[in-house]
C-alpha atoms as a PDB file:
ATOM      1  CA  MET A   1       6.043 136.862 165.052  1.00  0.00           C
ATOM      2  CA  LYS A   2       8.718 134.963 166.979  1.00  0.00           C
ATOM      3  CA  LYS A   3       9.534 135.935 170.517  1.00  0.00           C
ATOM      4  CA  ASP A   4      12.943 137.455 171.074  1.00  0.00           C
ATOM      5  CA  MET A   5      15.400 134.693 171.836  1.00  0.00           C
ATOM      6  CA  LYS A   6      18.175 135.171 174.344  1.00  0.00           C
ATOM      7  CA  VAL A   7      21.423 133.390 173.801  1.00  0.00           C
ATOM      8  CA  LYS A   8      23.191 132.260 176.922  1.00  0.00           C
ATOM      9  CA  LYS A   9      26.926 132.343 176.922  1.00  0.00           C
ATOM     10  CA  LEU A  10      28.125 129.048 178.247  1.00  0.00           C
ATOM     11  CA  ALA A  11      31.158 128.731 180.438  1.00  0.00           C
ATOM     12  CA  PRO A  12      34.111 127.184 178.647  1.00  0.00           C
ATOM     13  CA  ALA A  13      33.949 123.398 178.647  1.00  0.00           C
ATOM     14  CA  GLY A  14      37.441 123.250 180.047  1.00  0.00           C
ATOM     15  CA  ARG A  15      41.043 124.158 179.528  1.00  0.00           C
ATOM     16  CA  ARG A  16      43.478 122.948 176.931  1.00  0.00           C
ATOM     17  CA  VAL A  17      46.128 120.839 178.628  1.00  0.00           C
ATOM     18  CA  THR A  18      49.178 119.571 176.762  1.00  0.00           C
ATOM     19  CA  PHE A  19      50.898 116.433 177.986  1.00  0.00           C
ATOM     20  CA  GLN A  20      54.376 115.581 176.733  1.00  0.00           C
ATOM     21  CA  LEU A  21      56.846 112.762 177.149  1.00  0.00           C
ATOM     22  CA  ALA A  22      60.284 111.970 175.747  1.00  0.00           C
ATOM     23  CA  ALA A  23      60.562 108.378 174.510  1.00  0.00           C
ATOM     24  CA  ASN A  24      62.385 106.464 171.807  1.00  0.00           C
ATOM     25  CA  PRO A  25      61.234 107.468 168.318  1.00  0.00           C
ATOM     26  CA  LYS A  26      58.747 105.026 166.763  1.00  0.00           C
ATOM     27  CA  SER A  27      57.416 104.018 170.200  1.00  0.00           C
ATOM     28  CA  ASP A  28      53.722 103.469 170.819  1.00  0.00           C
ATOM     29  CA  VAL A  29      52.846 106.124 173.404  1.00  0.00           C
ATOM     30  CA  PHE A  30      49.418 106.672 174.941  1.00  0.00           C
ATOM     31  CA  LEU A  31      47.994 108.871 177.686  1.00  0.00           C
ATOM     32  CA  THR A  32      45.561 107.320 180.138  1.00  0.00           C
ATOM     33  CA  GLY A  33      43.916 108.486 183.338  1.00  0.00           C
ATOM     34  CA  THR A  34      40.797 109.276 185.261  1.00  0.00           C
ATOM     35  CA  PHE A  35      39.671 111.569 182.406  1.00  0.00           C
ATOM     36  CA  ASN A  36      39.293 108.583 180.021  1.00  0.00           C
ATOM     37  CA  ASN A  37      38.425 105.828 182.502  1.00  0.00           C
ATOM     38  CA  TRP A  38      42.009 104.508 182.321  1.00  0.00           C
ATOM     39  CA  ASP A  39      41.611 103.374 178.701  1.00  0.00           C
ATOM     40  CA  PRO A  40      45.222 102.597 177.647  1.00  0.00           C
ATOM     41  CA  ALA A  41      44.500 102.912 173.919  1.00  0.00           C
ATOM     42  CA  ARG A  42      42.165 105.905 173.665  1.00  0.00           C
ATOM     43  CA  HIS A  43      44.597 108.839 173.530  1.00  0.00           C
ATOM     44  CA  ARG A  44      47.559 108.085 171.274  1.00  0.00           C
ATOM     45  CA  MET A  45      50.329 110.655 171.582  1.00  0.00           C
ATOM     46  CA  LYS A  46      52.118 111.936 168.486  1.00  0.00           C
ATOM     47  CA  ASP A  47      55.772 112.425 167.698  1.00  0.00           C
ATOM     48  CA  THR A  48      55.264 114.880 164.837  1.00  0.00           C
ATOM     49  CA  ARG A  49      58.973 115.477 164.229  1.00  0.00           C
ATOM     50  CA  SER A  50      60.111 111.872 164.722  1.00  0.00           C
ATOM     51  CA  ASN A  51      62.509 113.038 167.429  1.00  0.00           C
ATOM     52  CA  GLY A  52      61.011 111.198 170.407  1.00  0.00           C
ATOM     53  CA  LYS A  53      59.013 114.136 171.809  1.00  0.00           C
ATOM     54  CA  TYR A  54      55.452 112.864 172.124  1.00  0.00           C
ATOM     55  CA  THR A  55      52.576 115.252 172.798  1.00  0.00           C
ATOM     56  CA  ILE A  56      48.812 115.345 173.047  1.00  0.00           C
ATOM     57  CA  THR A  57      46.451 118.183 173.945  1.00  0.00           C
ATOM     58  CA  LEU A  58      43.117 117.530 175.654  1.00  0.00           C
ATOM     59  CA  VAL A  59      40.352 119.853 176.800  1.00  0.00           C
ATOM     60  CA  LEU A  60      39.676 119.027 180.441  1.00  0.00           C
ATOM     61  CA  PRO A  61      37.089 120.543 182.794  1.00  0.00           C
ATOM     62  CA  LYS A  62      38.305 122.046 186.069  1.00  0.00           C
ATOM     63  CA  GLY A  63      39.287 119.352 188.509  1.00  0.00           C
ATOM     64  CA  GLN A  64      42.025 117.036 189.625  1.00  0.00           C
ATOM     65  CA  TYR A  65      43.081 114.107 187.465  1.00  0.00           C
ATOM     66  CA  GLU A  66      45.336 111.102 187.920  1.00  0.00           C
ATOM     67  CA  TYR A  67      47.178 109.905 184.837  1.00  0.00           C
ATOM     68  CA  LYS A  68      49.962 107.735 183.430  1.00  0.00           C
ATOM     69  CA  PHE A  69      51.691 107.163 180.125  1.00  0.00           C
ATOM     70  CA  VAL A  70      51.701 103.777 178.398  1.00  0.00           C
ATOM     71  CA  VAL A  71      54.888 103.314 176.368  1.00  0.00           C
ATOM     72  CA  ASN A  72      55.110 100.141 174.288  1.00  0.00           C
ATOM     73  CA  GLY A  73      52.703  98.486 176.718  1.00  0.00           C
ATOM     74  CA  SER A  74      54.494  99.585 179.915  1.00  0.00           C
ATOM     75  CA  TRP A  75      52.715 101.956 182.291  1.00  0.00           C
ATOM     76  CA  MET A  76      54.762 104.811 183.755  1.00  0.00           C
ATOM     77  CA  VAL A  77      54.302 108.046 185.686  1.00  0.00           C
ATOM     78  CA  ASP A  78      55.159 111.394 184.161  1.00  0.00           C
ATOM     79  CA  PRO A  79      58.863 111.935 184.982  1.00  0.00           C
ATOM     80  CA  GLU A  80      58.364 115.723 184.719  1.00  0.00           C
ATOM     81  CA  CYS A  81      55.463 115.823 187.202  1.00  0.00           C
ATOM     82  CA  GLN A  82      56.302 116.263 190.876  1.00  0.00           C
ATOM     83  CA  ASN A  83      52.761 115.476 192.088  1.00  0.00           C
ATOM     84  CA  TRP A  84      52.002 111.793 192.590  1.00  0.00           C
ATOM     85  CA  VAL A  85      49.435 109.750 194.489  1.00  0.00           C
ATOM     86  CA  ARG A  86      49.506 106.095 195.446  1.00  0.00           C
ATOM     87  CA  ASN A  87      46.918 103.986 193.638  1.00  0.00           C
ATOM     88  CA  SER A  88      45.081 100.811 194.671  1.00  0.00           C
ATOM     89  CA  LEU A  89      47.771  98.664 192.987  1.00  0.00           C
ATOM     90  CA  GLY A  90      50.466 100.047 195.269  1.00  0.00           C
ATOM     91  CA  THR A  91      52.153 102.051 192.500  1.00  0.00           C
ATOM     92  CA  LEU A  92      52.062 105.770 191.778  1.00  0.00           C
ATOM     93  CA  ASN A  93      49.919 107.893 189.467  1.00  0.00           C
ATOM     94  CA  SER A  94      50.842 111.373 188.291  1.00  0.00           C
ATOM     95  CA  LEU A  95      48.428 114.082 189.436  1.00  0.00           C
ATOM     96  CA  ILE A  96      47.386 117.252 187.610  1.00  0.00           C
ATOM     97  CA  THR A  97      45.026 120.013 188.712  1.00  0.00           C
ATOM     98  CA  VAL A  98      43.154 121.953 186.021  1.00  0.00           C
ATOM     99  CA  GLU A  99      41.946 125.365 187.174  1.00  0.00           C
END
């Protein structure tokens, strides 16, 4: 006979966070940041309606993250985010806190 097994409920792995950016339709738009080791090609954003509104949703653990958008090869901060930090290159990174 098998021993009774207890199932542990695990804490959620994180929260769903949606990032969005307005850019010219048919642009190549990516999200990069501390959550993906600043890989500029890992998280492609989608413009599902071909109207220039790019979005992506990630599940992120609690914490603080720096991020930027890469639009057609040019790095830029989130124009809708009011929280920025200076990086080691002397430019700014957008900052988000996931609670």
